Amino acid sequence: MLAAIPILLIGLALLEDDGAFLVGGYLAALPCVIFFAVLFLLGPQAVTAIWGWLGSLLG
């Protein structure tokens, strides 16, 4: 759902030839890019931390 908003806005910009939708689409894409970059960069660390926590919990 996060990536659907920029796709919709950029699609509307292409359909309507409207610069406002294009700018809105690119601005809406920034949080999407940041989210997936953080998920990519911190994902392995989070999985390792949870795996270690479960290992210590289960013994």
N, C-alpha and C. Protein backbone atom coordinates (compact mmCIF):
# COMPACT_ATOMS: atom_id res chain seq x y z
N MET A 1 0.82 -1.19 0.00
CA MET A 1 0.00 0.00 0.00
C MET A 1 0.87 1.25 0.00
N LEU A 2 2.05 1.13 0.58
CA LEU A 2 2.93 2.30 0.66
C LEU A 2 3.38 2.77 -0.71
N ALA A 3 3.68 1.84 -1.59
CA ALA A 3 4.16 2.21 -2.92
C ALA A 3 3.02 2.55 -3.88
N ALA A 4 1.78 2.28 -3.49
CA ALA A 4 0.65 2.52 -4.40
C ALA A 4 0.37 4.00 -4.58
N ILE A 5 0.59 4.80 -3.57
CA ILE A 5 0.27 6.23 -3.66
C ILE A 5 1.17 6.94 -4.67
N PRO A 6 2.50 6.77 -4.62
CA PRO A 6 3.32 7.41 -5.65
C PRO A 6 3.01 6.91 -7.06
N ILE A 7 2.74 5.62 -7.19
CA ILE A 7 2.40 5.08 -8.51
C ILE A 7 1.12 5.70 -9.03
N LEU A 8 0.12 5.83 -8.17
CA LEU A 8 -1.15 6.45 -8.56
C LEU A 8 -0.96 7.91 -8.96
N LEU A 9 -0.20 8.66 -8.17
CA LEU A 9 -0.01 10.08 -8.47
C LEU A 9 0.80 10.29 -9.75
N ILE A 10 1.82 9.50 -9.97
CA ILE A 10 2.61 9.64 -11.20
C ILE A 10 1.78 9.18 -12.40
N GLY A 11 0.95 8.16 -12.22
CA GLY A 11 0.05 7.74 -13.29
C GLY A 11 -0.96 8.82 -13.64
N LEU A 12 -1.51 9.48 -12.63
CA LEU A 12 -2.43 10.60 -12.89
C LEU A 12 -1.72 11.76 -13.57
N ALA A 13 -0.46 11.98 -13.21
CA ALA A 13 0.30 13.06 -13.85
C ALA A 13 0.51 12.77 -15.33
N LEU A 14 0.77 11.52 -15.67
CA LEU A 14 0.93 11.16 -17.08
C LEU A 14 -0.40 11.24 -17.83
N LEU A 15 -1.48 10.89 -17.15
CA LEU A 15 -2.79 10.92 -17.77
C LEU A 15 -3.28 12.34 -18.01
N GLU A 16 -3.08 13.21 -17.03
CA GLU A 16 -3.61 14.56 -17.08
C GLU A 16 -2.60 15.59 -17.58
N ASP A 17 -1.35 15.20 -17.80
CA ASP A 17 -0.28 16.15 -18.13
C ASP A 17 -0.22 17.29 -17.12
N ASP A 18 -0.24 16.91 -15.85
CA ASP A 18 -0.29 17.89 -14.77
C ASP A 18 1.00 17.80 -13.95
N GLY A 19 1.65 18.94 -13.79
CA GLY A 19 2.90 18.98 -13.04
C GLY A 19 2.71 18.81 -11.55
N ALA A 20 1.53 19.22 -11.04
CA ALA A 20 1.29 19.12 -9.60
C ALA A 20 1.22 17.65 -9.16
N PHE A 21 0.57 16.82 -9.96
CA PHE A 21 0.52 15.39 -9.62
C PHE A 21 1.90 14.76 -9.73
N LEU A 22 2.70 15.22 -10.67
CA LEU A 22 4.04 14.67 -10.83
C LEU A 22 4.92 15.02 -9.63
N VAL A 23 4.86 16.27 -9.19
CA VAL A 23 5.62 16.68 -8.01
C VAL A 23 5.11 15.93 -6.78
N GLY A 24 3.79 15.81 -6.66
CA GLY A 24 3.22 15.06 -5.54
C GLY A 24 3.64 13.60 -5.54
N GLY A 25 3.71 13.02 -6.74
CA GLY A 25 4.13 11.62 -6.84
C GLY A 25 5.57 11.43 -6.41
N TYR A 26 6.43 12.34 -6.83
CA TYR A 26 7.83 12.22 -6.43
C TYR A 26 8.01 12.50 -4.94
N LEU A 27 7.25 13.44 -4.40
CA LEU A 27 7.33 13.70 -2.95
C LEU A 27 6.78 12.52 -2.15
N ALA A 28 5.76 11.88 -2.66
CA ALA A 28 5.21 10.70 -1.97
C ALA A 28 6.14 9.50 -2.11
N ALA A 29 6.99 9.49 -3.12
CA ALA A 29 7.92 8.38 -3.31
C ALA A 29 9.11 8.46 -2.34
N LEU A 30 9.42 9.64 -1.85
CA LEU A 30 10.57 9.77 -0.94
C LEU A 30 10.42 8.94 0.34
N PRO A 31 9.28 9.02 1.06
CA PRO A 31 9.17 8.15 2.24
C PRO A 31 9.19 6.66 1.89
N CYS A 32 8.69 6.32 0.72
CA CYS A 32 8.70 4.93 0.27
C CYS A 32 10.14 4.45 0.08
N VAL A 33 10.95 5.26 -0.57
CA VAL A 33 12.36 4.91 -0.80
C VAL A 33 13.10 4.82 0.53
N ILE A 34 12.84 5.76 1.42
CA ILE A 34 13.50 5.75 2.73
C ILE A 34 13.11 4.50 3.52
N PHE A 35 11.83 4.15 3.50
CA PHE A 35 11.35 2.97 4.22
C PHE A 35 12.04 1.70 3.73
N PHE A 36 12.07 1.51 2.42
CA PHE A 36 12.66 0.28 1.89
C PHE A 36 14.18 0.28 2.04
N ALA A 37 14.82 1.45 2.02
CA ALA A 37 16.26 1.51 2.25
C ALA A 37 16.59 1.12 3.69
N VAL A 38 15.82 1.64 4.64
CA VAL A 38 16.04 1.28 6.04
C VAL A 38 15.76 -0.20 6.27
N LEU A 39 14.71 -0.70 5.64
CA LEU A 39 14.39 -2.12 5.76
C LEU A 39 15.51 -2.98 5.19
N PHE A 40 16.07 -2.55 4.08
CA PHE A 40 17.17 -3.29 3.46
C PHE A 40 18.43 -3.23 4.31
N LEU A 41 18.74 -2.06 4.86
CA LEU A 41 19.98 -1.89 5.60
C LEU A 41 19.92 -2.47 7.01
N LEU A 42 18.78 -2.33 7.68
CA LEU A 42 18.69 -2.78 9.06
C LEU A 42 17.98 -4.12 9.21
N GLY A 43 17.48 -4.67 8.14
CA GLY A 43 16.76 -5.94 8.20
C GLY A 43 17.59 -7.08 8.74
N PRO A 44 18.80 -7.32 8.20
CA PRO A 44 19.61 -8.43 8.72
C PRO A 44 19.98 -8.26 10.20
N GLN A 45 20.23 -7.05 10.64
CA GLN A 45 20.56 -6.82 12.05
C GLN A 45 19.36 -7.15 12.94
N ALA A 46 18.18 -6.76 12.49
CA ALA A 46 16.98 -7.04 13.29
C ALA A 46 16.73 -8.54 13.38
N VAL A 47 16.90 -9.25 12.28
CA VAL A 47 16.69 -10.71 12.29
C VAL A 47 17.71 -11.38 13.19
N THR A 48 18.95 -10.95 13.14
CA THR A 48 19.99 -11.52 13.99
C THR A 48 19.70 -11.25 15.46
N ALA A 49 19.25 -10.05 15.78
CA ALA A 49 18.94 -9.70 17.17
C ALA A 49 17.77 -10.53 17.69
N ILE A 50 16.73 -10.69 16.89
CA ILE A 50 15.58 -11.49 17.32
C ILE A 50 15.97 -12.96 17.46
N TRP A 51 16.79 -13.47 16.54
CA TRP A 51 17.24 -14.86 16.61
C TRP A 51 18.06 -15.10 17.89
N GLY A 52 18.94 -14.16 18.24
CA GLY A 52 19.71 -14.27 19.46
C GLY A 52 18.84 -14.21 20.70
N TRP A 53 17.84 -13.34 20.67
CA TRP A 53 16.93 -13.22 21.80
C TRP A 53 16.12 -14.50 22.00
N LEU A 54 15.63 -15.06 20.90
CA LEU A 54 14.88 -16.32 21.00
C LEU A 54 15.78 -17.47 21.46
N GLY A 55 17.03 -17.48 21.00
CA GLY A 55 17.96 -18.52 21.42
C GLY A 55 18.24 -18.47 22.91
N SER A 56 18.39 -17.27 23.46
CA SER A 56 18.64 -17.14 24.89
C SER A 56 17.38 -17.44 25.70
N LEU A 57 16.23 -17.16 25.13
CA LEU A 57 14.97 -17.40 25.82
C LEU A 57 14.67 -18.90 25.89
N LEU A 58 14.94 -19.60 24.80
CA LEU A 58 14.63 -21.03 24.74
C LEU A 58 15.77 -21.90 25.25
N GLY A 59 16.92 -21.29 25.40
CA GLY A 59 17.96 -21.92 26.08
C GLY A 59 19.00 -22.73 25.55
